[in-house]
């Protein structure tokens, strides 16, 4: 799908959205009925993951609108992921959702995407009809990175501006963490106060998740203003929650939320 910069016309398929600084955000989009579904992927992931594709297939079968995209520095979008920040990704998400969707949307956020979905929902309360979090990781830069860094790691990050962390998925390609990721993350922390989101929020969390403690889902539920919060704990579930059964659970939950919202 492409967007003509002169007419603003949006056509179905895949394309790019150009941001004011000329960065390009790659996306895939299906036209269809609303509420639509928007998928927000995780840190160092992209829009081609199994969860995104499973949701796209479900929406396609229903004739429902669907959108997935790559954050700045991820997948087919431009930029260096090490220079990305929570604020940058959230602003891009708001722009993508605002320009490429019509009507109410359900945001489905995986890991980092859960944090970005929450921030987007706070900016677009009239647009977001519901949220589904999969191992949602709000505040991870502070609670799961900075707080776990050793004194030496903190000093290296603050003095040099960058820190390398082991990448369990690609040992030869360590993650580069820039100081701006940590510092900017502090401007977007959510688990320290009431989160003024009142739409339904359903959370799926694996209890064998080695990246995001399952208690994070409980903290998030406690902070949300919404009374329509549900948590599904998967006792043998890992962080990715991408097994066949996990994907069936996810699509069933999103379908159930769509059905519930349509009846309201």
Protein backbone atom coordinates (compact mmCIF):
# COMPACT_ATOMS: atom_id res chain seq x y z
CA UNK A 1 0.00 0.00 0.00
CA UNK A 2 1.24 3.44 -0.81
CA UNK A 3 0.21 6.93 0.12
CA UNK A 4 0.26 9.67 -2.49
CA UNK A 5 1.83 12.72 -0.86
CA UNK A 6 -0.29 15.10 -2.97
CA UNK A 7 -3.75 13.50 -2.68
CA UNK A 8 -3.35 11.65 0.62
CA UNK A 9 -5.02 8.60 -1.00
CA UNK A 10 -4.31 5.30 0.72
CA UNK A 11 -4.42 2.06 -1.26
CA UNK A 12 -4.38 -1.48 0.11
CA UNK A 13 -1.14 -3.45 0.37
CA UNK A 14 2.26 -2.41 1.62
CA UNK A 15 4.12 0.85 1.57
CA UNK A 16 5.97 3.48 3.55
CA UNK A 17 4.92 6.49 5.55
CA UNK A 18 7.41 9.35 5.56
CA UNK A 19 7.82 11.23 8.82
CA UNK A 20 8.69 14.96 9.13
CA UNK A 21 12.41 14.17 9.54
CA UNK A 22 12.30 12.07 6.33
CA UNK A 23 12.51 8.77 8.22
CA UNK A 24 10.40 6.10 6.57
CA UNK A 25 8.05 3.71 8.36
CA UNK A 26 7.28 0.48 6.49
CA UNK A 27 3.79 -0.96 6.87
CA UNK A 28 1.27 -3.49 5.59
CA UNK A 29 -2.43 -2.78 5.60
CA UNK A 30 -5.74 -4.47 4.84
CA UNK A 31 -8.89 -2.53 4.05
CA UNK A 32 -12.02 -3.76 5.79
CA UNK A 33 -14.70 -3.25 8.37
CA UNK A 34 -14.16 -1.72 11.79
CA UNK A 35 -13.19 -1.97 14.53
CA UNK A 36 -9.84 -2.58 12.91
CA UNK A 37 -6.81 -4.27 14.46
CA UNK A 38 -3.32 -2.76 14.73
CA UNK A 39 -0.32 -4.92 15.70
CA UNK A 40 2.70 -3.39 17.47
CA UNK A 41 5.76 -5.63 17.60
CA UNK A 42 8.49 -6.03 20.19
CA UNK A 43 12.01 -4.66 20.70
CA UNK A 44 14.41 -5.81 17.96
CA UNK A 45 11.51 -7.60 16.26
CA UNK A 46 9.46 -6.61 13.20
CA UNK A 47 6.03 -6.79 11.60
CA UNK A 48 6.73 -10.16 9.94
CA UNK A 49 6.47 -12.22 13.15
CA UNK A 50 4.05 -15.09 13.61
CA UNK A 51 1.70 -13.15 15.91
CA UNK A 52 1.31 -10.35 13.36
CA UNK A 53 0.70 -12.78 10.54
CA UNK A 54 -1.80 -14.84 12.53
CA UNK A 55 -3.81 -11.72 13.34
CA UNK A 56 -3.63 -10.57 9.73
CA UNK A 57 -5.00 -13.93 8.54
CA UNK A 58 -7.85 -13.69 11.06
CA UNK A 59 -8.74 -10.17 9.94
CA UNK A 60 -8.52 -11.10 6.29
CA UNK A 61 -10.93 -13.99 6.86
CA UNK A 62 -13.36 -11.59 8.58
CA UNK A 63 -13.01 -8.85 5.99
CA UNK A 64 -11.67 -6.64 8.76
CA UNK A 65 -9.19 -3.77 8.59
CA UNK A 66 -5.69 -4.60 9.81
CA UNK A 67 -2.41 -2.72 10.10
CA UNK A 68 1.11 -3.77 11.02
CA UNK A 69 4.29 -1.71 10.76
CA UNK A 70 7.97 -1.56 11.67
CA UNK A 71 9.19 0.99 14.21
CA UNK A 72 12.05 3.34 13.40
CA UNK A 73 15.24 1.25 13.15
CA UNK A 74 13.36 -2.05 12.91
CA UNK A 75 12.56 -4.33 10.00
CA UNK A 76 12.16 -2.46 6.71
CA UNK A 77 11.85 0.99 8.28
CA UNK A 78 14.76 3.41 8.11
CA UNK A 79 17.09 4.35 10.94
CA UNK A 80 19.45 2.79 13.46
CA UNK A 81 17.60 0.89 16.18
CA UNK A 82 20.23 1.99 18.72
CA UNK A 83 19.13 5.60 18.16
CA UNK A 84 15.47 4.84 18.69
CA UNK A 85 13.66 5.84 21.87
CA UNK A 86 10.33 5.09 23.52
CA UNK A 87 9.10 8.59 22.73
CA UNK A 88 10.17 8.29 19.09
CA UNK A 89 8.45 4.93 18.63
CA UNK A 90 5.29 6.09 20.38
CA UNK A 91 5.08 9.24 18.25
CA UNK A 92 5.57 7.19 15.09
CA UNK A 93 2.86 4.76 16.21
CA UNK A 94 0.41 7.62 16.80
CA UNK A 95 1.21 9.01 13.35
CA UNK A 96 0.83 5.66 11.61
CA UNK A 97 -2.45 4.84 13.36
CA UNK A 98 -3.78 8.34 12.78
CA UNK A 99 -2.94 8.46 9.08
CA UNK A 100 -3.48 4.85 8.02
CA UNK A 101 -6.60 3.73 9.88
CA UNK A 102 -10.23 4.77 9.89
CA UNK A 103 -12.64 4.39 12.79
CA UNK A 104 -12.09 2.61 16.12
CA UNK A 105 -9.13 0.27 16.53
CA UNK A 106 -7.98 -2.51 18.83
CA UNK A 107 -4.26 -2.26 19.51
CA UNK A 108 -2.38 -5.52 20.05
CA UNK A 109 1.06 -4.93 21.53
CA UNK A 110 3.79 -7.51 22.08
CA UNK A 111 6.47 -6.77 24.73
CA UNK A 112 7.76 -3.27 23.85
CA UNK A 113 4.66 -3.02 21.67
CA UNK A 114 2.53 -3.28 24.80
CA UNK A 115 4.19 -0.15 26.19
CA UNK A 116 3.86 1.67 22.86
CA UNK A 117 0.19 0.64 22.60
CA UNK A 118 -0.52 2.08 26.06
CA UNK A 119 1.19 5.36 25.20
CA UNK A 120 -0.67 5.55 21.88
CA UNK A 121 -3.97 4.87 23.62
CA UNK A 122 -3.34 7.74 26.03
CA UNK A 123 -2.82 10.05 23.03
CA UNK A 124 -5.76 8.68 21.00
CA UNK A 125 -8.46 7.86 23.53
CA UNK A 126 -11.30 8.41 21.04
CA UNK A 127 -9.61 6.16 18.48
CA UNK A 128 -8.63 3.17 20.62
CA UNK A 129 -11.53 0.88 21.50
CA UNK A 130 -9.49 -1.81 23.23
CA UNK A 131 -6.02 -3.14 24.00
CA UNK A 132 -4.54 -6.63 24.06
CA UNK A 133 -1.07 -7.01 25.56
CA UNK A 134 1.16 -10.02 24.94
CA UNK A 135 3.95 -10.04 27.54
CA UNK A 136 3.44 -6.27 27.67
CA UNK A 137 6.58 -4.54 28.95
CA UNK A 138 5.84 -0.99 30.09
CA UNK A 139 8.77 0.70 31.84
CA UNK A 140 11.22 -2.04 30.80
CA UNK A 141 14.05 0.39 30.13
CA UNK A 142 14.02 1.37 33.80
CA UNK A 143 12.76 -1.74 35.61
CA UNK A 144 14.29 -4.49 33.46
CA UNK A 145 17.38 -2.76 32.09
CA UNK A 146 18.72 0.07 34.25
CA UNK A 147 17.84 -1.57 37.56
CA UNK A 148 19.59 -4.78 36.47
CA UNK A 149 22.74 -3.11 35.14
CA UNK A 150 25.87 -3.48 37.23
CA UNK A 151 27.73 -0.41 38.46
CA UNK A 152 30.28 -0.90 35.67
CA UNK A 153 27.57 -1.18 33.01
CA UNK A 154 25.89 2.00 34.25
CA UNK A 155 29.20 3.85 34.24
CA UNK A 156 30.03 2.66 30.73
CA UNK A 157 26.62 3.71 29.45
CA UNK A 158 26.76 7.16 31.04
CA UNK A 159 30.39 7.88 30.12
CA UNK A 160 30.47 6.48 26.57
CA UNK A 161 26.78 6.85 25.69
CA UNK A 162 26.45 3.23 24.63
CA UNK A 163 26.47 -0.27 26.09
CA UNK A 164 26.55 -3.66 24.43
CA UNK A 165 24.31 -6.42 25.81
CA UNK A 166 24.31 -10.12 24.87
CA UNK A 167 21.73 -11.09 22.26
CA UNK A 168 20.43 -14.55 23.11
CA UNK A 169 18.85 -14.83 19.65
CA UNK A 170 21.97 -13.78 17.72
CA UNK A 171 25.12 -14.21 19.89
CA UNK A 172 27.34 -12.64 17.21
CA UNK A 173 25.16 -9.54 17.00
CA UNK A 174 24.97 -7.94 20.48
CA UNK A 175 22.35 -5.34 21.24
CA UNK A 176 23.63 -1.75 21.36
CA UNK A 177 21.84 0.21 24.07
CA UNK A 178 22.17 3.97 23.79
CA UNK A 179 21.96 6.25 26.80
CA UNK A 180 19.05 8.10 25.17
CA UNK A 181 16.92 4.94 25.34
CA UNK A 182 17.21 4.89 29.13
CA UNK A 183 16.94 8.64 29.64
CA UNK A 184 13.99 9.09 27.29
CA UNK A 185 12.28 6.03 28.77
CA UNK A 186 12.05 7.87 32.08
CA UNK A 187 9.80 10.45 30.42
CA UNK A 188 7.26 7.75 29.57
CA UNK A 189 7.08 5.54 32.66
CA UNK A 190 3.55 4.30 33.38
CA UNK A 191 3.69 1.96 36.34
CA UNK A 192 4.28 4.72 38.89
CA UNK A 193 0.78 6.23 38.75
CA UNK A 194 -2.80 5.70 37.58
CA UNK A 195 -2.96 5.07 33.84
CA UNK A 196 -5.96 6.94 32.47
CA UNK A 197 -7.08 4.30 30.00
CA UNK A 198 -10.71 3.27 30.36
CA UNK A 199 -11.26 0.90 27.44
CA UNK A 200 -11.07 -2.91 27.80
CA UNK A 201 -7.51 -4.16 28.33
CA UNK A 202 -6.76 -7.88 28.16
CA UNK A 203 -3.29 -9.17 29.01
CA UNK A 204 -1.65 -12.49 28.12
CA UNK A 205 1.47 -13.33 30.10
CA UNK A 206 3.68 -16.43 30.23
CA UNK A 207 4.81 -17.48 33.68
CA UNK A 208 8.07 -18.87 32.26
CA UNK A 209 8.88 -15.59 30.58
CA UNK A 210 12.59 -14.93 31.18
CA UNK A 211 12.46 -11.36 29.84
CA UNK A 212 9.34 -9.85 31.43
CA UNK A 213 8.36 -11.15 34.90
CA UNK A 214 4.75 -12.31 34.96
CA UNK A 215 4.14 -10.01 37.92
CA UNK A 216 4.44 -7.09 35.48
CA UNK A 217 0.98 -7.94 34.18
CA UNK A 218 -0.41 -7.69 37.70
CA UNK A 219 1.29 -4.32 38.25
CA UNK A 220 -0.10 -3.04 34.98
CA UNK A 221 -3.62 -4.22 35.77
CA UNK A 222 -3.46 -2.50 39.15
CA UNK A 223 -2.39 0.81 37.55
CA UNK A 224 -5.04 0.88 34.82
CA UNK A 225 -8.09 3.05 35.43
CA UNK A 226 -10.22 0.69 33.33
CA UNK A 227 -12.49 -1.73 35.19
CA UNK A 228 -12.46 -4.03 32.14
CA UNK A 229 -9.05 -5.59 32.70
CA UNK A 230 -8.44 -9.32 32.36
CA UNK A 231 -5.22 -11.31 32.70
CA UNK A 232 -4.54 -14.73 31.22
CA UNK A 233 -1.51 -16.40 32.79
CA UNK A 234 0.03 -19.17 30.71
CA UNK A 235 1.86 -21.44 33.16
CA UNK A 236 4.26 -22.91 30.58
CA UNK A 237 4.38 -19.81 28.40
CA UNK A 238 7.65 -18.09 27.45
CA UNK A 239 8.20 -14.51 26.36
CA UNK A 240 7.40 -14.97 22.70
CA UNK A 241 4.11 -16.86 23.14
CA UNK A 242 4.33 -17.90 19.50
CA UNK A 243 3.53 -21.62 19.64
CA UNK A 244 0.51 -22.81 17.66
CA UNK A 245 -1.62 -22.91 20.79
CA UNK A 246 -0.43 -19.43 21.79
CA UNK A 247 -1.43 -18.03 18.40
CA UNK A 248 -4.86 -19.64 18.62
CA UNK A 249 -5.33 -18.16 22.09
CA UNK A 250 -4.31 -14.72 20.86
CA UNK A 251 -6.55 -14.68 17.80
CA UNK A 252 -9.48 -16.03 19.83
CA UNK A 253 -9.01 -13.29 22.43
CA UNK A 254 -8.81 -10.54 19.83
CA UNK A 255 -11.88 -11.95 18.08
CA UNK A 256 -13.73 -12.04 21.41
CA UNK A 257 -12.81 -8.44 22.15
CA UNK A 258 -13.97 -7.39 18.69
CA UNK A 259 -17.28 -9.14 19.29
CA UNK A 260 -17.70 -7.52 22.69
CA UNK A 261 -16.92 -4.03 21.39
CA UNK A 262 -19.30 -4.38 18.46
CA UNK A 263 -22.12 -5.19 20.87
CA UNK A 264 -21.53 -2.13 23.09
